[in-house]
Amino acid sequence: MGLIPVFTLTQSQEVIIALLAVVYALVSVLIQRKLSNAKRLREIQAHIAKVTKEMNAMMKAKVPDAEINAKQKEMMPLLGESMKSSLKPMFAILPMFLIVYYVLVPMIPFPAPATPKNIQQFFFIAVFISGIVSAIALMIYDKKLTKKEELVLEGKVPATDK
């Protein structure tokens, strides 16, 4: 019996499916990084955070609604750009997942007692977990990169050429 007995997969089957899931997650991360501009997204997020802070201060200071609405209108195009940039990779990643999930995974020859449904379920769970792990790792990496860029802009750290 494998690591998760509910799926009736052997340990070697689970390893093969988990590796396939990790490869899929890595490829989807690479596609996401290629199709979206991470630096521009960080700039947008920083600007949105700044404008939000200003709007909160304006609301506390009881500034007229017209001025707050003007700030909000300034932020709307940035939110739209951020949304488009985030969704663009999905048009490549989702079809790729559906092809792997419904075509490739069921075609993997596994001896009994595994069924294509068991294999698909385990693959989905493995992709989900590896996706969360890679998202957390990328978030930490991006946070460090953003912090470094802020320090370079402030002149506290010299800029390095890549």
N, C-alpha and C. Protein backbone atom coordinates (compact mmCIF):
# COMPACT_ATOMS: atom_id res chain seq x y z
N MET A 1 0.84 -1.18 0.00
CA MET A 1 0.00 0.00 0.00
C MET A 1 0.88 1.24 0.00
N GLY A 2 0.43 2.29 -0.65
CA GLY A 2 1.22 3.51 -0.78
C GLY A 2 1.11 4.41 0.43
N LEU A 3 1.57 5.61 0.24
CA LEU A 3 1.57 6.60 1.31
C LEU A 3 0.15 6.98 1.74
N ILE A 4 -0.75 7.07 0.77
CA ILE A 4 -2.13 7.42 1.07
C ILE A 4 -3.01 6.26 0.62
N PRO A 5 -3.40 5.39 1.55
CA PRO A 5 -4.11 4.17 1.19
C PRO A 5 -5.46 4.39 0.52
N VAL A 6 -6.08 5.54 0.69
CA VAL A 6 -7.39 5.80 0.11
C VAL A 6 -7.36 5.66 -1.40
N PHE A 7 -6.24 5.97 -2.02
CA PHE A 7 -6.14 5.95 -3.47
C PHE A 7 -5.78 4.58 -4.03
N THR A 8 -5.48 3.63 -3.21
CA THR A 8 -5.07 2.28 -3.61
C THR A 8 -3.94 2.30 -4.64
N LEU A 9 -3.01 3.19 -4.45
CA LEU A 9 -1.84 3.27 -5.32
C LEU A 9 -0.64 2.70 -4.57
N THR A 10 0.27 2.10 -5.32
CA THR A 10 1.50 1.64 -4.69
C THR A 10 2.41 2.85 -4.48
N GLN A 11 3.44 2.65 -3.69
CA GLN A 11 4.36 3.76 -3.41
C GLN A 11 5.06 4.24 -4.68
N SER A 12 5.43 3.32 -5.55
CA SER A 12 6.10 3.72 -6.80
C SER A 12 5.14 4.50 -7.70
N GLN A 13 3.88 4.13 -7.72
CA GLN A 13 2.89 4.88 -8.50
C GLN A 13 2.74 6.30 -7.95
N GLU A 14 2.70 6.39 -6.64
CA GLU A 14 2.57 7.71 -6.01
C GLU A 14 3.78 8.58 -6.33
N VAL A 15 4.97 8.00 -6.33
CA VAL A 15 6.18 8.76 -6.62
C VAL A 15 6.16 9.26 -8.06
N ILE A 16 5.76 8.40 -8.99
CA ILE A 16 5.70 8.80 -10.41
C ILE A 16 4.70 9.93 -10.61
N ILE A 17 3.54 9.80 -10.02
CA ILE A 17 2.50 10.83 -10.15
C ILE A 17 2.95 12.12 -9.47
N ALA A 18 3.56 12.01 -8.30
CA ALA A 18 4.04 13.20 -7.59
C ALA A 18 5.11 13.92 -8.40
N LEU A 19 6.01 13.17 -9.03
CA LEU A 19 7.03 13.79 -9.87
C LEU A 19 6.40 14.50 -11.07
N LEU A 20 5.42 13.86 -11.68
CA LEU A 20 4.70 14.48 -12.79
C LEU A 20 4.02 15.77 -12.33
N ALA A 21 3.44 15.74 -11.15
CA ALA A 21 2.78 16.93 -10.60
C ALA A 21 3.78 18.04 -10.31
N VAL A 22 4.93 17.69 -9.77
CA VAL A 22 5.95 18.71 -9.49
C VAL A 22 6.48 19.31 -10.79
N VAL A 23 6.68 18.47 -11.80
CA VAL A 23 7.13 18.98 -13.11
C VAL A 23 6.08 19.93 -13.68
N TYR A 24 4.81 19.53 -13.60
CA TYR A 24 3.74 20.40 -14.08
C TYR A 24 3.75 21.73 -13.32
N ALA A 25 3.88 21.69 -12.00
CA ALA A 25 3.88 22.91 -11.20
C ALA A 25 5.06 23.81 -11.58
N LEU A 26 6.23 23.23 -11.78
CA LEU A 26 7.40 24.02 -12.16
C LEU A 26 7.24 24.65 -13.54
N VAL A 27 6.71 23.88 -14.49
CA VAL A 27 6.48 24.41 -15.83
C VAL A 27 5.45 25.53 -15.79
N SER A 28 4.40 25.36 -14.98
CA SER A 28 3.39 26.41 -14.89
C SER A 28 3.96 27.67 -14.25
N VAL A 29 4.85 27.52 -13.29
CA VAL A 29 5.50 28.69 -12.68
C VAL A 29 6.37 29.39 -13.71
N LEU A 30 7.12 28.62 -14.50
CA LEU A 30 7.96 29.22 -15.54
C LEU A 30 7.12 29.98 -16.56
N ILE A 31 6.01 29.39 -16.97
CA ILE A 31 5.11 30.05 -17.92
C ILE A 31 4.56 31.34 -17.30
N GLN A 32 4.18 31.24 -16.05
CA GLN A 32 3.63 32.42 -15.36
C GLN A 32 4.66 33.54 -15.29
N ARG A 33 5.90 33.19 -15.00
CA ARG A 33 6.97 34.19 -14.91
C ARG A 33 7.28 34.80 -16.28
N LYS A 34 7.20 33.98 -17.34
CA LYS A 34 7.49 34.47 -18.68
C LYS A 34 6.39 35.39 -19.20
N LEU A 35 5.13 35.04 -18.92
CA LEU A 35 4.00 35.79 -19.47
C LEU A 35 3.62 37.02 -18.66
N SER A 36 4.06 37.10 -17.42
CA SER A 36 3.74 38.29 -16.62
C SER A 36 5.04 38.99 -16.23
N ASN A 37 4.94 40.29 -16.10
CA ASN A 37 6.09 41.10 -15.74
C ASN A 37 6.09 41.28 -14.22
N ALA A 38 6.85 40.47 -13.52
CA ALA A 38 6.85 40.47 -12.06
C ALA A 38 7.30 41.82 -11.51
N LYS A 39 8.27 42.45 -12.16
CA LYS A 39 8.76 43.74 -11.68
C LYS A 39 7.66 44.79 -11.79
N ARG A 40 6.97 44.81 -12.91
CA ARG A 40 5.87 45.78 -13.09
C ARG A 40 4.76 45.52 -12.08
N LEU A 41 4.45 44.25 -11.82
CA LEU A 41 3.43 43.92 -10.82
C LEU A 41 3.83 44.43 -9.44
N ARG A 42 5.10 44.29 -9.09
CA ARG A 42 5.57 44.80 -7.80
C ARG A 42 5.43 46.32 -7.74
N GLU A 43 5.76 46.99 -8.85
CA GLU A 43 5.61 48.45 -8.90
C GLU A 43 4.15 48.86 -8.72
N ILE A 44 3.27 48.15 -9.41
CA ILE A 44 1.84 48.45 -9.31
C ILE A 44 1.36 48.24 -7.88
N GLN A 45 1.73 47.10 -7.29
CA GLN A 45 1.31 46.81 -5.91
C GLN A 45 1.82 47.87 -4.94
N ALA A 46 3.05 48.32 -5.13
CA ALA A 46 3.60 49.36 -4.25
C ALA A 46 2.83 50.66 -4.42
N HIS A 47 2.51 51.01 -5.68
CA HIS A 47 1.77 52.25 -5.92
C HIS A 47 0.35 52.16 -5.35
N ILE A 48 -0.28 51.02 -5.52
CA ILE A 48 -1.64 50.82 -4.98
C ILE A 48 -1.61 50.93 -3.46
N ALA A 49 -0.61 50.33 -2.84
CA ALA A 49 -0.50 50.42 -1.37
C ALA A 49 -0.32 51.87 -0.93
N LYS A 50 0.49 52.64 -1.68
CA LYS A 50 0.71 54.05 -1.35
C LYS A 50 -0.59 54.84 -1.47
N VAL A 51 -1.31 54.65 -2.57
CA VAL A 51 -2.55 55.38 -2.80
C VAL A 51 -3.60 54.98 -1.76
N THR A 52 -3.64 53.70 -1.40
CA THR A 52 -4.59 53.24 -0.39
C THR A 52 -4.30 53.90 0.95
N LYS A 53 -3.03 53.99 1.28
CA LYS A 53 -2.64 54.66 2.53
C LYS A 53 -3.08 56.12 2.52
N GLU A 54 -2.86 56.78 1.38
CA GLU A 54 -3.27 58.17 1.25
C GLU A 54 -4.79 58.31 1.37
N MET A 55 -5.52 57.39 0.75
CA MET A 55 -6.98 57.44 0.82
C MET A 55 -7.47 57.24 2.26
N ASN A 56 -6.84 56.31 2.97
CA ASN A 56 -7.22 56.09 4.37
C ASN A 56 -6.97 57.34 5.21
N ALA A 57 -5.84 57.99 4.97
CA ALA A 57 -5.53 59.23 5.69
C ALA A 57 -6.54 60.31 5.34
N MET A 58 -6.94 60.36 4.08
CA MET A 58 -7.93 61.35 3.64
C MET A 58 -9.28 61.10 4.32
N MET A 59 -9.66 59.84 4.44
CA MET A 59 -10.94 59.51 5.08
C MET A 59 -10.90 59.87 6.57
N LYS A 60 -9.78 59.61 7.22
CA LYS A 60 -9.65 59.97 8.64
C LYS A 60 -9.69 61.48 8.83
N ALA A 61 -9.14 62.22 7.85
CA ALA A 61 -9.12 63.68 7.94
C ALA A 61 -10.43 64.30 7.46
N LYS A 62 -11.40 63.45 7.13
CA LYS A 62 -12.72 63.91 6.68
C LYS A 62 -12.64 64.81 5.44
N VAL A 63 -11.80 64.40 4.51
CA VAL A 63 -11.65 65.12 3.24
C VAL A 63 -12.92 64.89 2.42
N PRO A 64 -13.34 65.86 1.61
CA PRO A 64 -14.55 65.67 0.79
C PRO A 64 -14.46 64.43 -0.10
N ASP A 65 -15.62 63.84 -0.34
CA ASP A 65 -15.69 62.60 -1.13
C ASP A 65 -15.14 62.78 -2.54
N ALA A 66 -15.26 63.95 -3.10
CA ALA A 66 -14.78 64.20 -4.47
C ALA A 66 -13.27 63.95 -4.57
N GLU A 67 -12.52 64.37 -3.57
CA GLU A 67 -11.07 64.16 -3.59
C GLU A 67 -10.73 62.68 -3.42
N ILE A 68 -11.47 62.01 -2.55
CA ILE A 68 -11.24 60.57 -2.35
C ILE A 68 -11.56 59.81 -3.64
N ASN A 69 -12.67 60.20 -4.29
CA ASN A 69 -13.04 59.56 -5.56
C ASN A 69 -11.98 59.78 -6.63
N ALA A 70 -11.37 60.97 -6.63
CA ALA A 70 -10.31 61.25 -7.60
C ALA A 70 -9.12 60.32 -7.37
N LYS A 71 -8.77 60.10 -6.11
CA LYS A 71 -7.68 59.16 -5.79
C LYS A 71 -8.03 57.76 -6.23
N GLN A 72 -9.29 57.39 -6.00
CA GLN A 72 -9.73 56.05 -6.37
C GLN A 72 -9.68 55.87 -7.89
N LYS A 73 -10.05 56.91 -8.64
CA LYS A 73 -9.98 56.84 -10.10
C LYS A 73 -8.54 56.70 -10.58
N GLU A 74 -7.61 57.29 -9.83
CA GLU A 74 -6.19 57.16 -10.16
C GLU A 74 -5.73 55.71 -10.03
N MET A 75 -6.33 55.00 -9.08
CA MET A 75 -5.92 53.63 -8.79
C MET A 75 -6.56 52.60 -9.72
N MET A 76 -7.73 52.89 -10.29
CA MET A 76 -8.47 51.91 -11.08
C MET A 76 -7.70 51.37 -12.29
N PRO A 77 -7.03 52.20 -13.09
CA PRO A 77 -6.28 51.63 -14.22
C PRO A 77 -5.17 50.68 -13.75
N LEU A 78 -4.57 51.00 -12.62
CA LEU A 78 -3.52 50.12 -12.09
C LEU A 78 -4.09 48.77 -11.67
N LEU A 79 -5.26 48.80 -11.05
CA LEU A 79 -5.91 47.55 -10.67
C LEU A 79 -6.25 46.71 -11.90
N GLY A 80 -6.73 47.37 -12.96
CA GLY A 80 -7.04 46.67 -14.20
C GLY A 80 -5.80 46.05 -14.82
N GLU A 81 -4.71 46.81 -14.84
CA GLU A 81 -3.46 46.29 -15.40
C GLU A 81 -2.95 45.10 -14.59
N SER A 82 -3.05 45.21 -13.28
CA SER A 82 -2.62 44.12 -12.41
C SER A 82 -3.46 42.86 -12.66
N MET A 83 -4.76 43.04 -12.80
CA MET A 83 -5.66 41.90 -13.05
C MET A 83 -5.34 41.24 -14.39
N LYS A 84 -5.16 42.05 -15.44
CA LYS A 84 -4.83 41.49 -16.76
C LYS A 84 -3.52 40.72 -16.72
N SER A 85 -2.54 41.29 -16.06
CA SER A 85 -1.23 40.66 -15.99
C SER A 85 -1.29 39.35 -15.21
N SER A 86 -2.16 39.29 -14.22
CA SER A 86 -2.30 38.07 -13.42
C SER A 86 -3.08 36.99 -14.16
N LEU A 87 -4.03 37.39 -14.99
CA LEU A 87 -4.87 36.41 -15.69
C LEU A 87 -4.23 35.86 -16.97
N LYS A 88 -3.37 36.64 -17.58
CA LYS A 88 -2.77 36.23 -18.86
C LYS A 88 -2.13 34.83 -18.80
N PRO A 89 -1.34 34.51 -17.78
CA PRO A 89 -0.75 33.17 -17.74
C PRO A 89 -1.79 32.04 -17.62
N MET A 90 -2.95 32.35 -17.06
CA MET A 90 -3.98 31.31 -16.91
C MET A 90 -4.45 30.76 -18.24
N PHE A 91 -4.39 31.57 -19.29
CA PHE A 91 -4.82 31.10 -20.61
C PHE A 91 -3.87 30.04 -21.17
N ALA A 92 -2.68 29.94 -20.65
CA ALA A 92 -1.75 28.89 -21.06
C ALA A 92 -1.73 27.75 -20.04
N ILE A 93 -1.80 28.11 -18.77
CA ILE A 93 -1.66 27.10 -17.71
C ILE A 93 -2.89 26.21 -17.58
N LEU A 94 -4.08 26.78 -17.65
CA LEU A 94 -5.30 25.98 -17.48
C LEU A 94 -5.47 24.94 -18.58
N PRO A 95 -5.35 25.29 -19.88
CA PRO A 95 -5.46 24.24 -20.89
C PRO A 95 -4.39 23.15 -20.73
N MET A 96 -3.19 23.57 -20.33
CA MET A 96 -2.12 22.59 -20.12
C MET A 96 -2.51 21.63 -18.99
N PHE A 97 -3.10 22.15 -17.90
CA PHE A 97 -3.53 21.29 -16.81
C PHE A 97 -4.61 20.33 -17.28
N LEU A 98 -5.59 20.83 -18.01
CA LEU A 98 -6.69 19.98 -18.47
C LEU A 98 -6.19 18.86 -19.38
N ILE A 99 -5.23 19.17 -20.24
CA ILE A 99 -4.66 18.14 -21.12
C ILE A 99 -3.93 17.08 -20.29
N VAL A 100 -3.12 17.53 -19.35
CA VAL A 100 -2.38 16.56 -18.52
C VAL A 100 -3.35 15.74 -17.68
N TYR A 101 -4.34 16.41 -17.07
CA TYR A 101 -5.26 15.75 -16.15
C TYR A 101 -6.18 14.75 -16.86
N TYR A 102 -6.76 15.16 -17.99
CA TYR A 102 -7.75 14.31 -18.65
C TYR A 102 -7.19 13.41 -19.75
N VAL A 103 -6.01 13.74 -20.28
CA VAL A 103 -5.47 12.94 -21.39
C VAL A 103 -4.25 12.13 -20.95
N LEU A 104 -3.24 12.81 -20.45
CA LEU A 104 -1.98 12.12 -20.15
C LEU A 104 -2.04 11.24 -18.90
N VAL A 105 -2.56 11.77 -17.80
CA VAL A 105 -2.56 11.00 -16.55
C VAL A 105 -3.34 9.69 -16.67
N PRO A 106 -4.55 9.69 -17.25
CA PRO A 106 -5.26 8.40 -17.38
C PRO A 106 -4.57 7.40 -18.31
N MET A 107 -3.70 7.88 -19.19
CA MET A 107 -3.02 6.99 -20.12
C MET A 107 -1.80 6.31 -19.50
N ILE A 108 -1.40 6.75 -18.31
CA ILE A 108 -0.24 6.14 -17.66
C ILE A 108 -0.60 4.71 -17.31
N PRO A 109 0.17 3.75 -17.79
CA PRO A 109 -0.17 2.35 -17.51
C PRO A 109 0.21 1.96 -16.08
N PHE A 110 -0.78 1.77 -15.26
CA PHE A 110 -0.56 1.33 -13.89
C PHE A 110 -1.30 0.02 -13.68
N PRO A 111 -0.63 -0.92 -13.05
CA PRO A 111 -1.32 -2.18 -12.77
C PRO A 111 -2.36 -2.01 -11.67
N ALA A 112 -3.22 -2.98 -11.54
CA ALA A 112 -4.25 -2.96 -10.50
C ALA A 112 -3.58 -2.81 -9.14
N PRO A 113 -4.18 -2.29 -8.15
CA PRO A 113 -5.59 -1.90 -8.05
C PRO A 113 -5.85 -0.46 -8.43
N ALA A 114 -4.88 0.26 -8.99
CA ALA A 114 -5.08 1.67 -9.33
C ALA A 114 -6.06 1.81 -10.48
N THR A 115 -6.89 2.83 -10.40
CA THR A 115 -7.83 3.16 -11.48
C THR A 115 -7.47 4.54 -11.99
N PRO A 116 -7.87 4.87 -13.20
CA PRO A 116 -7.58 6.22 -13.71
C PRO A 116 -8.13 7.31 -12.79
N LYS A 117 -9.27 7.06 -12.16
CA LYS A 117 -9.84 8.06 -11.25
C LYS A 117 -8.93 8.27 -10.03
N ASN A 118 -8.41 7.18 -9.48
CA ASN A 118 -7.48 7.29 -8.34
C ASN A 118 -6.24 8.07 -8.73
N ILE A 119 -5.75 7.78 -9.92
CA ILE A 119 -4.54 8.44 -10.40
C ILE A 119 -4.80 9.93 -10.59
N GLN A 120 -5.94 10.27 -11.19
CA GLN A 120 -6.28 11.68 -11.39
C GLN A 120 -6.44 12.41 -10.06
N GLN A 121 -7.10 11.79 -9.11
CA GLN A 121 -7.29 12.43 -7.80
C GLN A 121 -5.96 12.67 -7.11
N PHE A 122 -5.10 11.70 -7.14
CA PHE A 122 -3.79 11.87 -6.50
C PHE A 122 -2.98 12.94 -7.23
N PHE A 123 -3.06 12.95 -8.56
CA PHE A 123 -2.35 13.97 -9.34
C PHE A 123 -2.86 15.37 -8.96
N PHE A 124 -4.16 15.53 -8.87
CA PHE A 124 -4.74 16.83 -8.51
C PHE A 124 -4.24 17.30 -7.15
N ILE A 125 -4.24 16.40 -6.18
CA ILE A 125 -3.78 16.76 -4.84
C ILE A 125 -2.29 17.10 -4.87
N ALA A 126 -1.51 16.33 -5.60
CA ALA A 126 -0.07 16.58 -5.67
C ALA A 126 0.22 17.92 -6.36
N VAL A 127 -0.53 18.25 -7.42
CA VAL A 127 -0.35 19.54 -8.09
C VAL A 127 -0.74 20.68 -7.15
N PHE A 128 -1.82 20.49 -6.43
CA PHE A 128 -2.29 21.51 -5.50
C PHE A 128 -1.23 21.79 -4.44
N ILE A 129 -0.69 20.75 -3.84
CA ILE A 129 0.32 20.91 -2.78
C ILE A 129 1.61 21.52 -3.35
N SER A 130 2.08 21.00 -4.48
CA SER A 130 3.32 21.55 -5.05
C SER A 130 3.10 22.98 -5.53
N GLY A 131 1.91 23.31 -5.97
CA GLY A 131 1.60 24.68 -6.37
C GLY A 131 1.64 25.63 -5.19
N ILE A 132 1.09 25.21 -4.06
CA ILE A 132 1.12 26.04 -2.85
C ILE A 132 2.56 26.24 -2.39
N VAL A 133 3.34 25.17 -2.38
CA VAL A 133 4.74 25.28 -1.96
C VAL A 133 5.51 26.23 -2.87
N SER A 134 5.32 26.09 -4.19
CA SER A 134 6.05 26.97 -5.12
C SER A 134 5.56 28.41 -5.00
N ALA A 135 4.27 28.61 -4.76
CA ALA A 135 3.75 29.98 -4.58
C ALA A 135 4.34 30.64 -3.34
N ILE A 136 4.45 29.89 -2.26
CA ILE A 136 5.05 30.43 -1.04
C ILE A 136 6.52 30.77 -1.27
N ALA A 137 7.24 29.86 -1.93
CA ALA A 137 8.66 30.11 -2.22
C ALA A 137 8.83 31.35 -3.09
N LEU A 138 8.00 31.49 -4.11
CA LEU A 138 8.08 32.66 -4.99
C LEU A 138 7.70 33.94 -4.25
N MET A 139 6.74 33.85 -3.37
CA MET A 139 6.33 35.02 -2.60
C MET A 139 7.48 35.50 -1.72
N ILE A 140 8.17 34.57 -1.08
CA ILE A 140 9.31 34.92 -0.24
C ILE A 140 10.42 35.53 -1.10
N TYR A 141 10.70 34.91 -2.24
CA TYR A 141 11.72 35.42 -3.16
C TYR A 141 11.37 36.83 -3.64
N ASP A 142 10.12 37.04 -4.06
CA ASP A 142 9.69 38.35 -4.54
C ASP A 142 9.75 39.40 -3.45
N LYS A 143 9.40 39.02 -2.23
CA LYS A 143 9.47 39.96 -1.10
C LYS A 143 10.91 40.41 -0.87
N LYS A 144 11.85 39.46 -0.90
CA LYS A 144 13.27 39.80 -0.74
C LYS A 144 13.74 40.70 -1.87
N LEU A 145 13.31 40.38 -3.09
CA LEU A 145 13.70 41.17 -4.25
C LEU A 145 13.14 42.59 -4.15
N THR A 146 11.89 42.71 -3.73
CA THR A 146 11.27 44.02 -3.56
C THR A 146 11.99 44.83 -2.50
N LYS A 147 12.33 44.18 -1.40
CA LYS A 147 13.04 44.86 -0.32
C LYS A 147 14.40 45.36 -0.81
N LYS A 148 15.09 44.51 -1.58
CA LYS A 148 16.40 44.89 -2.12
C LYS A 148 16.25 46.08 -3.07
N GLU A 149 15.22 46.04 -3.93
CA GLU A 149 15.00 47.15 -4.86
C GLU A 149 14.70 48.45 -4.10
N GLU A 150 13.94 48.35 -3.02
CA GLU A 150 13.65 49.54 -2.21
C GLU A 150 14.92 50.09 -1.59
N LEU A 151 15.78 49.22 -1.09
CA LEU A 151 17.04 49.67 -0.49
C LEU A 151 17.95 50.32 -1.53
N VAL A 152 17.95 49.78 -2.76
CA VAL A 152 18.75 50.36 -3.83
C VAL A 152 18.21 51.75 -4.18
N LEU A 153 16.87 51.87 -4.26
CA LEU A 153 16.27 53.16 -4.58
C LEU A 153 16.56 54.20 -3.50
N GLU A 154 16.61 53.75 -2.25
CA GLU A 154 16.89 54.67 -1.14
C GLU A 154 18.38 54.99 -1.05
N GLY A 155 19.21 54.26 -1.79
CA GLY A 155 20.64 54.50 -1.78
C GLY A 155 21.37 53.85 -0.63
N LYS A 156 20.70 52.95 0.11
CA LYS A 156 21.32 52.27 1.25
C LYS A 156 22.19 51.11 0.82
N VAL A 157 21.90 50.56 -0.37
CA VAL A 157 22.66 49.43 -0.90
C VAL A 157 23.03 49.76 -2.34
N PRO A 158 24.28 49.53 -2.73
CA PRO A 158 24.65 49.82 -4.12
C PRO A 158 23.98 48.83 -5.07
N ALA A 159 23.61 49.33 -6.24
CA ALA A 159 22.99 48.49 -7.27
C ALA A 159 24.06 47.56 -7.85
N THR A 160 23.68 46.31 -8.10
CA THR A 160 24.60 45.34 -8.70
C THR A 160 24.10 45.00 -10.08
N ASP A 161 25.03 44.82 -11.00
CA ASP A 161 24.67 44.42 -12.37
C ASP A 161 24.53 42.91 -12.43
N LYS A 162 23.53 42.47 -13.19
CA LYS A 162 23.31 41.02 -13.33
C LYS A 162 23.98 40.52 -14.57
